[in-house]
Each structure stands twice: as C-alpha cells, then as structure tokens.
Amino acid sequence: QDLYQEAEDTLMLNASVIGYYSGSHSLALVKGTTLVELQTEKVIVATGASEKMLLFENNDLPGVYGAGAVQTLMNVYGIKPGHNMLMVGAGNVGLIVSYQLLQAGVNVEAVVEAMPHIGGYHVHAAKIRRCGVPIYTSTSIQKALGEEYVTGAVTISLDENWNPIRGTEKEYTVDTICLAVGLSPSVELFHQAGCRLAYIPELGGNTPVHNQNMETTLPGVYAAGDAAGIGEANTAMMEGKIAALSCINTLELSTDETVKELEESFRELHLLRSGTFGERARQGKEKVFTLWREHHE
C-alpha cells in the first residue's frame, strides 16, 4: 500500500496502450473515456502472452476454456468453471491448473498429452497422480460432445507421426474441457512500433528480436517476460529486472549498486535456464540474440 501511494502519480491502472509513435517515443493510452498521450524516453513492453487453441470438432461449444480463463474464474472471481473436467495438455500449466481445480472441488477426469512424454515437471505430475488423476501421453482430444454446451469429450491415441489411431477413441462424461496447449507472445505493440519480429518455435512463435539487455531492434524499446518469448515465471521476472536496470544505466542514472545488480541478474537468469528443462529456452534466446546482432551489423 505504501509503495502504491508513492507511485500513484506515475502508476496508471485500467489504462490500455493503443499506440506507440517511434519518432517521438510517445504512447497513446486510453484510461476510461480519456485519451492520454505519454512522452517517454524508454519503454518496457511486458504484455505477456495469449493462449493457443486447438482445432477439433465442436471446439466452439460453451464449456471449452483456455487454462488462463479457468485460472481467472477461480482465482479472481471465485467461480468453479465446472464439475467434471478434461484437461488437454500436460505441460506445467496443465498440471498446475489441474491441481488447482482439484483444490477447488472440481473432478478432473483425466489429463491428455499429445507428446509421448509429460512436458511439465515431475513434481507437478506426481501431485495430481496421487489424487487419482490419470495422465495419458500420445493422446489428444478428437471432439467435444453436446448440442448447446459441453456434455462430454472423446479422446484418441496418436502414433509416432502424430496421426490418430482408429479404434483407440475413449469417451468422457464432462461438462468442461480445459486447453493448456501453449502460449504465444503478445507482440501487437512491437509490430505496430516497427520492432523486428522473428518466428522462434522454441519461444512460442513470433518474438521481438532483442539483445541480452532486452532491448529490441528499435532503440529505447525493451521486451520482458512472455512478451519476449515464452518461459517460466521466475525467468520472466528476472528479464523484467534486467530490462529495468538496463534502462536505468542507459539513462545515465546508474550507480555502482545498479551496475552490480544487473551483473547479478544476468548470472541468476543463466542459472535459472540451466539444465534440461531450460535447454529449449536457451536455444530460442540464442537465435534471438544472433538475429539482433545481424540486424545491427
């Protein structure tokens, strides 16, 4: 509360950025019914990500949700999204949301994953398995059942080439289907501003090209978090810290403390991305850094 009071002159809630003008480093915002022009020297864009969806029969029925919508219903509004649910996707998001659903009193019939292995951490998978929830790999949703809303779902096994195997269909009686099949960076503002984008599968799709300081190809515009490539929550926070400290240092506001803190942040980010689970993100970031260097040659 104290921090909010200190920042109330500069913290604008319920305000949406609708445009960025690179010639003057100015932003156009809508706050309520008021249009606001904000002059800046640096901009950090941390707009997060949007959920990917799947194509399957009846995927537009009421009762088909993205995992983020399910979390919002439960955590923000205190509403159970359904009574019996099928979770599609066994990455960390699918596993964590499944456990949150169980805590909220929702029966999770099963978790299905198209890959031949569970994509999330074993600790998350073990928690829901201990609660009796089966996890089926090499399996995907074939169709949702129902006329006006979801009354069931049919899954099907996949072969090594991701093709459906006839005769392996399994029907579930559920009223809700939750899709946790990945995220894509929200890059609309980067595109409008003229930042270079590149399709990087390891980072979730179209990603703003940036350097290790998180600065994009447009000087003064920085990316952070999932908007700079899909990753873990802890790496997203660390990238935001790096972007902020980089801005401070380039605005000639740096101190010995901020320089040291930036160096420590780089080291911590490196540690967070070490190991097997960080390999995909490391590969994606190296592609982005290489493209940034090539852009400035």
Foldseek 3Di string as FASTA:
>chain_A
DVVCVVCVVPDQPQKDWDAAALVQRWTWIQRPNDIDIGGDQFAEDEPAWDADDDDAAPCVAAQEEELVVQCCCCVVVNHHSFAEEEEEAQAPSSLVSVVVNVVSNHHYQEYEELAQDRRYDPVSVVVVVVVVHYYHYQKGWHYADDDRAGQKTKMFGADPVRHGDPPRIDIDGTRHYYYHPAIAAPCPRVVNNPFDWDAQVLQHGTAFQAAPLQATLSPRYGYAASNRGDDDPVLRVLSVLSVVLVVCVVVVNDDPVSVVVNVVSSVVSVVVLDDDSNPSVVVRNVVSNVVSVVSVD
